[in-house]
Amino acid sequence: MATRIRLRRVGRKGQSYFRIVIADQRSPRDGRFVTTIGHYNPRTNPAVIKVDAEQARAWLDKGALPTDTVRSLFKKAGVLGKRPA
C-alpha cells in the first residue's frame, strides 16, 4: 500500500479546517485514512499548525510521502529540516 501524508478537509462551508492524515494514495480526499497525526487551521491569525512530530517522522521513515502542501506545513512546524544527531 503506497501511503501519502495529506490534508483532509473538515468543517462546514466557508469554515474550512484540515486534519493531517496518513491515507492510501488511491483513496479520495475525504475518504478512508489510516491515522490522524495533526491538524491545520488556516482561518486563525496566525494559522494554527499542530503536528505530532514523532509520529510524522515515523511515517516518513516507513516511506509515506507528504504532499507539497503538507511538506511546507511540516517545514513551518519544524518537523522537516535538520535531524537531531
Foldseek 3Di string as FASTA:
>chain_A
DAKAFEWAWDDDPPQTWTWTFIADPPADRNDDTDDTFWIWGVPDVNIDTDGPLVVVVVVVVVPHHYDPVVVVSCVVVVSDDDDDD
